[in-house]
Amino acid sequence: PVIGTEVENFLGTGPLRGVQGLEVTLGVSQVI
């Protein structure tokens, strides 16, 4: 299995300045 994480919407502009719009995804995938 593969464990991964993804971080989105940070260090942007406007409402996405800094980490105000931060989205973090943590998951696991498996090939069948």
Full PDB file with SEQRES, HELIX, SHEET, SSBOND, CRYST1, ORIGX, SCALE, CONECT and MASTER records, all heavy atoms in Angstrom:
SEQRES   1 A   32  PRO VAL ILE GLY THR GLU VAL GLU ASN PHE LEU GLY THR          
SEQRES   2 A   32  GLY PRO LEU ARG GLY VAL GLN GLY LEU GLU VAL THR LEU          
SEQRES   3 A   32  GLY VAL SER GLN VAL ILE                                      
HELIX    1 AA1 GLY A   14  LEU A   16  5                                   3    
SHEET    1 AA1 2 VAL A   2  GLU A   8  0                                        
SHEET    2 AA1 2 GLU A  23  SER A  29 -1                                        
CRYST1    1.000    1.000    1.000  90.00  90.00  90.00 P 1           1          
ORIGX1      1.000000  0.000000  0.000000        0.00000                         
ORIGX2      0.000000  1.000000  0.000000        0.00000                         
ORIGX3      0.000000  0.000000  1.000000        0.00000                         
SCALE1      1.000000  0.000000  0.000000        0.00000                         
SCALE2      0.000000  1.000000  0.000000        0.00000                         
SCALE3      0.000000  0.000000  1.000000        0.00000                         
ATOM      1  N   PRO A   1       0.841  -1.207   0.000  1.00  0.00           N  
ATOM      2  CA  PRO A   1       0.000   0.000   0.000  1.00  0.00           C  
ATOM      3  C   PRO A   1       0.875   1.256   0.000  1.00  0.00           C  
ATOM      4  O   PRO A   1       2.040   1.214   0.387  1.00  0.00           O  
ATOM      5  CB  PRO A   1      -0.800  -0.124   1.303  1.00  0.00           C  
ATOM      6  CG  PRO A   1       0.051  -0.972   2.188  1.00  0.00           C  
ATOM      7  CD  PRO A   1       0.769  -1.933   1.286  1.00  0.00           C  
ATOM      8  N   VAL A   2       0.294   2.347  -0.434  1.00  0.00           N  
ATOM      9  CA  VAL A   2       1.023   3.612  -0.502  1.00  0.00           C  
ATOM     10  C   VAL A   2       0.319   4.629   0.397  1.00  0.00           C  
ATOM     11  O   VAL A   2      -0.894   4.847   0.264  1.00  0.00           O  
ATOM     12  CB  VAL A   2       1.089   4.134  -1.946  1.00  0.00           C  
ATOM     13  CG1 VAL A   2       1.794   5.493  -1.996  1.00  0.00           C  
ATOM     14  CG2 VAL A   2       1.805   3.127  -2.843  1.00  0.00           C  
ATOM     15  N   ILE A   3       1.079   5.222   1.311  1.00  0.00           N  
ATOM     16  CA  ILE A   3       0.544   6.260   2.179  1.00  0.00           C  
ATOM     17  C   ILE A   3       1.035   7.614   1.659  1.00  0.00           C  
ATOM     18  O   ILE A   3       2.212   7.776   1.360  1.00  0.00           O  
ATOM     19  CB  ILE A   3       0.993   6.059   3.635  1.00  0.00           C  
ATOM     20  CG1 ILE A   3       0.471   4.719   4.171  1.00  0.00           C  
ATOM     21  CG2 ILE A   3       0.526   7.215   4.521  1.00  0.00           C  
ATOM     22  CD1 ILE A   3       0.946   4.396   5.561  1.00  0.00           C  
ATOM     23  N   GLY A   4       0.115   8.572   1.549  1.00  0.00           N  
ATOM     24  CA  GLY A   4       0.520   9.867   1.025  1.00  0.00           C  
ATOM     25  C   GLY A   4      -0.234  11.014   1.672  1.00  0.00           C  
ATOM     26  O   GLY A   4      -1.268  10.818   2.322  1.00  0.00           O  
ATOM     27  N   THR A   5       0.281  12.188   1.525  1.00  0.00           N  
ATOM     28  CA  THR A   5      -0.374  13.400   2.038  1.00  0.00           C  
ATOM     29  C   THR A   5      -0.285  14.491   0.983  1.00  0.00           C  
ATOM     30  O   THR A   5       0.629  14.511   0.163  1.00  0.00           O  
ATOM     31  CB  THR A   5       0.290  13.863   3.342  1.00  0.00           C  
ATOM     32  OG1 THR A   5      -0.424  14.974   3.864  1.00  0.00           O  
ATOM     33  CG2 THR A   5       1.734  14.274   3.111  1.00  0.00           C  
ATOM     34  N   GLU A   6      -1.243  15.385   1.043  1.00  0.00           N  
ATOM     35  CA  GLU A   6      -1.291  16.479   0.062  1.00  0.00           C  
ATOM     36  C   GLU A   6      -1.727  17.755   0.775  1.00  0.00           C  
ATOM     37  O   GLU A   6      -2.693  17.747   1.552  1.00  0.00           O  
ATOM     38  CB  GLU A   6      -2.278  16.127  -1.044  1.00  0.00           C  
ATOM     39  CG  GLU A   6      -2.334  17.150  -2.162  1.00  0.00           C  
ATOM     40  CD  GLU A   6      -3.265  16.705  -3.270  1.00  0.00           C  
ATOM     41  OE1 GLU A   6      -2.967  15.693  -3.953  1.00  0.00           O  
ATOM     42  OE2 GLU A   6      -4.312  17.374  -3.442  1.00  0.00           O  
ATOM     43  N   VAL A   7      -1.009  18.833   0.541  1.00  0.00           N  
ATOM     44  CA  VAL A   7      -1.303  20.135   1.158  1.00  0.00           C  
ATOM     45  C   VAL A   7      -1.666  21.106   0.038  1.00  0.00           C  
ATOM     46  O   VAL A   7      -0.920  21.258  -0.925  1.00  0.00           O  
ATOM     47  CB  VAL A   7      -0.098  20.651   1.961  1.00  0.00           C  
ATOM     48  CG1 VAL A   7      -0.417  22.007   2.582  1.00  0.00           C  
ATOM     49  CG2 VAL A   7       0.302  19.639   3.038  1.00  0.00           C  
ATOM     50  N   GLU A   8      -2.820  21.820   0.201  1.00  0.00           N  
ATOM     51  CA  GLU A   8      -3.284  22.742  -0.830  1.00  0.00           C  
ATOM     52  C   GLU A   8      -3.643  24.102  -0.208  1.00  0.00           C  
ATOM     53  O   GLU A   8      -3.900  24.209   0.991  1.00  0.00           O  
ATOM     54  CB  GLU A   8      -4.529  22.179  -1.526  1.00  0.00           C  
ATOM     55  CG  GLU A   8      -4.334  20.819  -2.189  1.00  0.00           C  
ATOM     56  CD  GLU A   8      -5.624  20.314  -2.801  1.00  0.00           C  
ATOM     57  OE1 GLU A   8      -6.232  21.046  -3.621  1.00  0.00           O  
ATOM     58  OE2 GLU A   8      -6.041  19.196  -2.436  1.00  0.00           O  
ATOM     59  N   ASN A   9      -3.720  25.120  -1.090  1.00  0.00           N  
ATOM     60  CA  ASN A   9      -4.263  26.434  -0.732  1.00  0.00           C  
ATOM     61  C   ASN A   9      -3.520  27.116   0.422  1.00  0.00           C  
ATOM     62  O   ASN A   9      -4.112  27.497   1.423  1.00  0.00           O  
ATOM     63  CB  ASN A   9      -5.760  26.336  -0.386  1.00  0.00           C  
ATOM     64  CG  ASN A   9      -6.566  25.772  -1.548  1.00  0.00           C  
ATOM     65  OD1 ASN A   9      -6.163  25.891  -2.709  1.00  0.00           O  
ATOM     66  ND2 ASN A   9      -7.695  25.181  -1.223  1.00  0.00           N  
ATOM     67  N   PHE A  10      -2.247  27.250   0.284  1.00  0.00           N  
ATOM     68  CA  PHE A  10      -1.501  28.019   1.287  1.00  0.00           C  
ATOM     69  C   PHE A  10      -0.462  28.874   0.565  1.00  0.00           C  
ATOM     70  O   PHE A  10      -0.096  28.625  -0.575  1.00  0.00           O  
ATOM     71  CB  PHE A  10      -0.834  27.087   2.310  1.00  0.00           C  
ATOM     72  CG  PHE A  10       0.291  26.260   1.762  1.00  0.00           C  
ATOM     73  CD1 PHE A  10       1.608  26.641   1.972  1.00  0.00           C  
ATOM     74  CD2 PHE A  10       0.033  25.092   1.044  1.00  0.00           C  
ATOM     75  CE1 PHE A  10       2.629  25.878   1.468  1.00  0.00           C  
ATOM     76  CE2 PHE A  10       1.057  24.340   0.551  1.00  0.00           C  
ATOM     77  CZ  PHE A  10       2.370  24.722   0.762  1.00  0.00           C  
ATOM     78  N   LEU A  11      -0.069  29.951   1.307  1.00  0.00           N  
ATOM     79  CA  LEU A  11       0.881  30.933   0.769  1.00  0.00           C  
ATOM     80  C   LEU A  11       0.360  31.552  -0.523  1.00  0.00           C  
ATOM     81  O   LEU A  11       1.117  31.811  -1.451  1.00  0.00           O  
ATOM     82  CB  LEU A  11       2.256  30.295   0.550  1.00  0.00           C  
ATOM     83  CG  LEU A  11       2.940  29.690   1.783  1.00  0.00           C  
ATOM     84  CD1 LEU A  11       4.279  29.105   1.413  1.00  0.00           C  
ATOM     85  CD2 LEU A  11       3.081  30.728   2.879  1.00  0.00           C  
ATOM     86  N   GLY A  12      -0.948  31.750  -0.549  1.00  0.00           N  
ATOM     87  CA  GLY A  12      -1.525  32.398  -1.727  1.00  0.00           C  
ATOM     88  C   GLY A  12      -1.760  33.884  -1.475  1.00  0.00           C  
ATOM     89  O   GLY A  12      -1.062  34.526  -0.692  1.00  0.00           O  
ATOM     90  N   THR A  13      -2.778  34.445  -2.131  1.00  0.00           N  
ATOM     91  CA  THR A  13      -3.133  35.856  -1.967  1.00  0.00           C  
ATOM     92  C   THR A  13      -4.587  35.959  -1.579  1.00  0.00           C  
ATOM     93  O   THR A  13      -5.372  35.014  -1.728  1.00  0.00           O  
ATOM     94  CB  THR A  13      -2.879  36.619  -3.282  1.00  0.00           C  
ATOM     95  OG1 THR A  13      -3.689  36.064  -4.305  1.00  0.00           O  
ATOM     96  CG2 THR A  13      -1.410  36.548  -3.681  1.00  0.00           C  
ATOM     97  N   GLY A  14      -4.946  37.141  -1.134  1.00  0.00           N  
ATOM     98  CA  GLY A  14      -6.336  37.373  -0.742  1.00  0.00           C  
ATOM     99  C   GLY A  14      -6.742  36.463   0.380  1.00  0.00           C  
ATOM    100  O   GLY A  14      -6.040  36.311   1.390  1.00  0.00           O  
ATOM    101  N   PRO A  15      -7.886  35.814   0.230  1.00  0.00           N  
ATOM    102  CA  PRO A  15      -8.358  34.925   1.308  1.00  0.00           C  
ATOM    103  C   PRO A  15      -7.462  33.722   1.545  1.00  0.00           C  
ATOM    104  O   PRO A  15      -7.610  33.007   2.532  1.00  0.00           O  
ATOM    105  CB  PRO A  15      -9.735  34.467   0.840  1.00  0.00           C  
ATOM    106  CG  PRO A  15     -10.006  35.123  -0.459  1.00  0.00           C  
ATOM    107  CD  PRO A  15      -8.816  35.903  -0.894  1.00  0.00           C  
ATOM    108  N   LEU A  16      -6.524  33.481   0.611  1.00  0.00           N  
ATOM    109  CA  LEU A  16      -5.650  32.308   0.741  1.00  0.00           C  
ATOM    110  C   LEU A  16      -4.266  32.690   1.259  1.00  0.00           C  
ATOM    111  O   LEU A  16      -3.321  31.937   1.115  1.00  0.00           O  
ATOM    112  CB  LEU A  16      -5.514  31.597  -0.612  1.00  0.00           C  
ATOM    113  CG  LEU A  16      -6.816  31.103  -1.245  1.00  0.00           C  
ATOM    114  CD1 LEU A  16      -6.547  30.437  -2.575  1.00  0.00           C  
ATOM    115  CD2 LEU A  16      -7.537  30.138  -0.292  1.00  0.00           C  
ATOM    116  N   ARG A  17      -4.211  33.951   1.894  1.00  0.00           N  
ATOM    117  CA  ARG A  17      -2.929  34.341   2.436  1.00  0.00           C  
ATOM    118  C   ARG A  17      -2.532  33.407   3.587  1.00  0.00           C  
ATOM    119  O   ARG A  17      -3.390  32.950   4.355  1.00  0.00           O  
ATOM    120  CB  ARG A  17      -2.983  35.770   2.972  1.00  0.00           C  
ATOM    121  CG  ARG A  17      -3.073  36.841   1.883  1.00  0.00           C  
ATOM    122  CD  ARG A  17      -2.740  38.211   2.485  1.00  0.00           C  
ATOM    123  NE  ARG A  17      -3.473  38.449   3.713  1.00  0.00           N  
ATOM    124  CZ  ARG A  17      -4.683  39.022   3.760  1.00  0.00           C  
ATOM    125  NH1 ARG A  17      -5.277  39.381   2.629  1.00  0.00           N  
ATOM    126  NH2 ARG A  17      -5.273  39.237   4.907  1.00  0.00           N  
ATOM    127  N   GLY A  18      -1.179  33.171   3.682  1.00  0.00           N  
ATOM    128  CA  GLY A  18      -0.683  32.330   4.776  1.00  0.00           C  
ATOM    129  C   GLY A  18      -1.270  30.947   4.692  1.00  0.00           C  
ATOM    130  O   GLY A  18      -1.191  30.275   3.667  1.00  0.00           O  
ATOM    131  N   VAL A  19      -1.927  30.539   5.794  1.00  0.00           N  
ATOM    132  CA  VAL A  19      -2.527  29.205   5.837  1.00  0.00           C  
ATOM    133  C   VAL A  19      -4.023  29.306   6.113  1.00  0.00           C  
ATOM    134  O   VAL A  19      -4.627  28.329   6.577  1.00  0.00           O  
ATOM    135  CB  VAL A  19      -1.838  28.342   6.919  1.00  0.00           C  
ATOM    136  CG1 VAL A  19      -0.399  28.046   6.547  1.00  0.00           C  
ATOM    137  CG2 VAL A  19      -1.918  29.005   8.288  1.00  0.00           C  
ATOM    138  N   GLN A  20      -4.598  30.468   5.775  1.00  0.00           N  
ATOM    139  CA  GLN A  20      -6.021  30.632   6.080  1.00  0.00           C  
ATOM    140  C   GLN A  20      -6.889  29.666   5.283  1.00  0.00           C  
ATOM    141  O   GLN A  20      -7.905  29.184   5.764  1.00  0.00           O  
ATOM    142  CB  GLN A  20      -6.440  32.077   5.797  1.00  0.00           C  
ATOM    143  CG  GLN A  20      -5.786  33.093   6.731  1.00  0.00           C  
ATOM    144  CD  GLN A  20      -6.226  34.504   6.432  1.00  0.00           C  
ATOM    145  OE1 GLN A  20      -7.106  34.711   5.593  1.00  0.00           O  
ATOM    146  NE2 GLN A  20      -5.641  35.478   7.126  1.00  0.00           N  
ATOM    147  N   GLY A  21      -6.487  29.360   4.028  1.00  0.00           N  
ATOM    148  CA  GLY A  21      -7.297  28.433   3.219  1.00  0.00           C  
ATOM    149  C   GLY A  21      -6.674  27.056   3.104  1.00  0.00           C  
ATOM    150  O   GLY A  21      -6.952  26.317   2.149  1.00  0.00           O  
ATOM    151  N   LEU A  22      -5.839  26.715   4.065  1.00  0.00           N  
ATOM    152  CA  LEU A  22      -5.100  25.456   3.996  1.00  0.00           C  
ATOM    153  C   LEU A  22      -6.035  24.243   3.975  1.00  0.00           C  
ATOM    154  O   LEU A  22      -6.995  24.171   4.735  1.00  0.00           O  
ATOM    155  CB  LEU A  22      -4.163  25.349   5.203  1.00  0.00           C  
ATOM    156  CG  LEU A  22      -3.319  24.079   5.286  1.00  0.00           C  
ATOM    157  CD1 LEU A  22      -2.296  24.042   4.153  1.00  0.00           C  
ATOM    158  CD2 LEU A  22      -2.619  24.010   6.641  1.00  0.00           C  
ATOM    159  N   GLU A  23      -5.708  23.318   3.090  1.00  0.00           N  
ATOM    160  CA  GLU A  23      -6.398  22.025   3.049  1.00  0.00           C  
ATOM    161  C   GLU A  23      -5.335  20.935   3.061  1.00  0.00           C  
ATOM    162  O   GLU A  23      -4.390  20.961   2.268  1.00  0.00           O  
ATOM    163  CB  GLU A  23      -7.251  21.889   1.794  1.00  0.00           C  
ATOM    164  CG  GLU A  23      -8.411  22.855   1.712  1.00  0.00           C  
ATOM    165  CD  GLU A  23      -9.262  22.640   0.470  1.00  0.00           C  
ATOM    166  OE1 GLU A  23      -9.039  21.581  -0.192  1.00  0.00           O  
ATOM    167  OE2 GLU A  23     -10.107  23.485   0.169  1.00  0.00           O  
ATOM    168  N   VAL A  24      -5.509  19.989   3.969  1.00  0.00           N  
ATOM    169  CA  VAL A  24      -4.550  18.878   4.103  1.00  0.00           C  
ATOM    170  C   VAL A  24      -5.297  17.564   3.916  1.00  0.00           C  
ATOM    171  O   VAL A  24      -6.323  17.322   4.569  1.00  0.00           O  
ATOM    172  CB  VAL A  24      -3.861  18.891   5.476  1.00  0.00           C  
ATOM    173  CG1 VAL A  24      -2.896  17.717   5.587  1.00  0.00           C  
ATOM    174  CG2 VAL A  24      -3.130  20.197   5.706  1.00  0.00           C  
ATOM    175  N   THR A  25      -4.754  16.753   2.988  1.00  0.00           N  
ATOM    176  CA  THR A  25      -5.357  15.438   2.722  1.00  0.00           C  
ATOM    177  C   THR A  25      -4.345  14.355   3.081  1.00  0.00           C  
ATOM    178  O   THR A  25      -3.187  14.409   2.658  1.00  0.00           O  
ATOM    179  CB  THR A  25      -5.742  15.297   1.239  1.00  0.00           C  
ATOM    180  OG1 THR A  25      -6.628  16.359   0.888  1.00  0.00           O  
ATOM    181  CG2 THR A  25      -6.415  13.952   0.992  1.00  0.00           C  
ATOM    182  N   LEU A  26      -4.802  13.394   3.865  1.00  0.00           N  
ATOM    183  CA  LEU A  26      -3.970  12.259   4.258  1.00  0.00           C  
ATOM    184  C   LEU A  26      -4.725  10.987   3.908  1.00  0.00           C  
ATOM    185  O   LEU A  26      -5.887  10.813   4.311  1.00  0.00           O  
ATOM    186  CB  LEU A  26      -3.660  12.295   5.745  1.00  0.00           C  
ATOM    187  CG  LEU A  26      -2.813  11.140   6.291  1.00  0.00           C  
ATOM    188  CD1 LEU A  26      -1.412  11.171   5.684  1.00  0.00           C  
ATOM    189  CD2 LEU A  26      -2.731  11.209   7.826  1.00  0.00           C  
ATOM    190  N   GLY A  27      -4.054  10.097   3.121  1.00  0.00           N  
ATOM    191  CA  GLY A  27      -4.768   8.884   2.720  1.00  0.00           C  
ATOM    192  C   GLY A  27      -3.829   7.735   2.399  1.00  0.00           C  
ATOM    193  O   GLY A  27      -2.601   7.861   2.446  1.00  0.00           O  
ATOM    194  N   VAL A  28      -4.417   6.609   2.058  1.00  0.00           N  
ATOM    195  CA  VAL A  28      -3.674   5.400   1.698  1.00  0.00           C  
ATOM    196  C   VAL A  28      -4.313   4.810   0.449  1.00  0.00           C  
ATOM    197  O   VAL A  28      -5.538   4.818   0.309  1.00  0.00           O  
ATOM    198  CB  VAL A  28      -3.676   4.384   2.856  1.00  0.00           C  
ATOM    199  CG1 VAL A  28      -5.094   3.971   3.232  1.00  0.00           C  
ATOM    200  CG2 VAL A  28      -2.851   3.155   2.494  1.00  0.00           C  
ATOM    201  N   SER A  29      -3.466   4.332  -0.450  1.00  0.00           N  
ATOM    202  CA  SER A  29      -3.963   3.706  -1.680  1.00  0.00           C  
ATOM    203  C   SER A  29      -3.413   2.291  -1.792  1.00  0.00           C  
ATOM    204  O   SER A  29      -2.343   1.972  -1.255  1.00  0.00           O  
ATOM    205  CB  SER A  29      -3.552   4.525  -2.906  1.00  0.00           C  
ATOM    206  OG  SER A  29      -2.141   4.568  -3.027  1.00  0.00           O  
ATOM    207  N   GLN A  30      -4.137   1.453  -2.485  1.00  0.00           N  
ATOM    208  CA  GLN A  30      -3.751   0.048  -2.631  1.00  0.00           C  
ATOM    209  C   GLN A  30      -4.112  -0.419  -4.040  1.00  0.00           C  
ATOM    210  O   GLN A  30      -5.238  -0.219  -4.506  1.00  0.00           O  
ATOM    211  CB  GLN A  30      -4.468  -0.829  -1.600  1.00  0.00           C  
ATOM    212  CG  GLN A  30      -4.230  -2.321  -1.759  1.00  0.00           C  
ATOM    213  CD  GLN A  30      -2.795  -2.716  -1.433  1.00  0.00           C  
ATOM    214  OE1 GLN A  30      -2.294  -2.401  -0.370  1.00  0.00           O  
ATOM    215  NE2 GLN A  30      -2.140  -3.397  -2.369  1.00  0.00           N  
ATOM    216  N   VAL A  31      -3.137  -1.062  -4.691  1.00  0.00           N  
ATOM    217  CA  VAL A  31      -3.388  -1.652  -6.010  1.00  0.00           C  
ATOM    218  C   VAL A  31      -3.971  -3.037  -5.829  1.00  0.00           C  
ATOM    219  O   VAL A  31      -3.428  -3.872  -5.090  1.00  0.00           O  
ATOM    220  CB  VAL A  31      -2.089  -1.723  -6.844  1.00  0.00           C  
ATOM    221  CG1 VAL A  31      -2.338  -2.478  -8.147  1.00  0.00           C  
ATOM    222  CG2 VAL A  31      -1.572  -0.322  -7.141  1.00  0.00           C  
ATOM    223  N   ILE A  32      -5.097  -3.265  -6.464  1.00  0.00           N  
ATOM    224  CA  ILE A  32      -5.748  -4.579  -6.447  1.00  0.00           C  
ATOM    225  C   ILE A  32      -5.452  -5.248  -7.786  1.00  0.00           C  
ATOM    226  O   ILE A  32      -5.919  -4.797  -8.831  1.00  0.00           O  
ATOM    227  CB  ILE A  32      -7.262  -4.456  -6.225  1.00  0.00           C  
ATOM    228  CG1 ILE A  32      -7.561  -3.647  -4.958  1.00  0.00           C  
ATOM    229  CG2 ILE A  32      -7.882  -5.845  -6.156  1.00  0.00           C  
ATOM    230  CD1 ILE A  32      -7.019  -4.257  -3.696  1.00  0.00           C  
TER     231      ILE A  32                                                      
MASTER        0    0    0    1    2    0    0    6  230    1    0    3          
END                                                                             
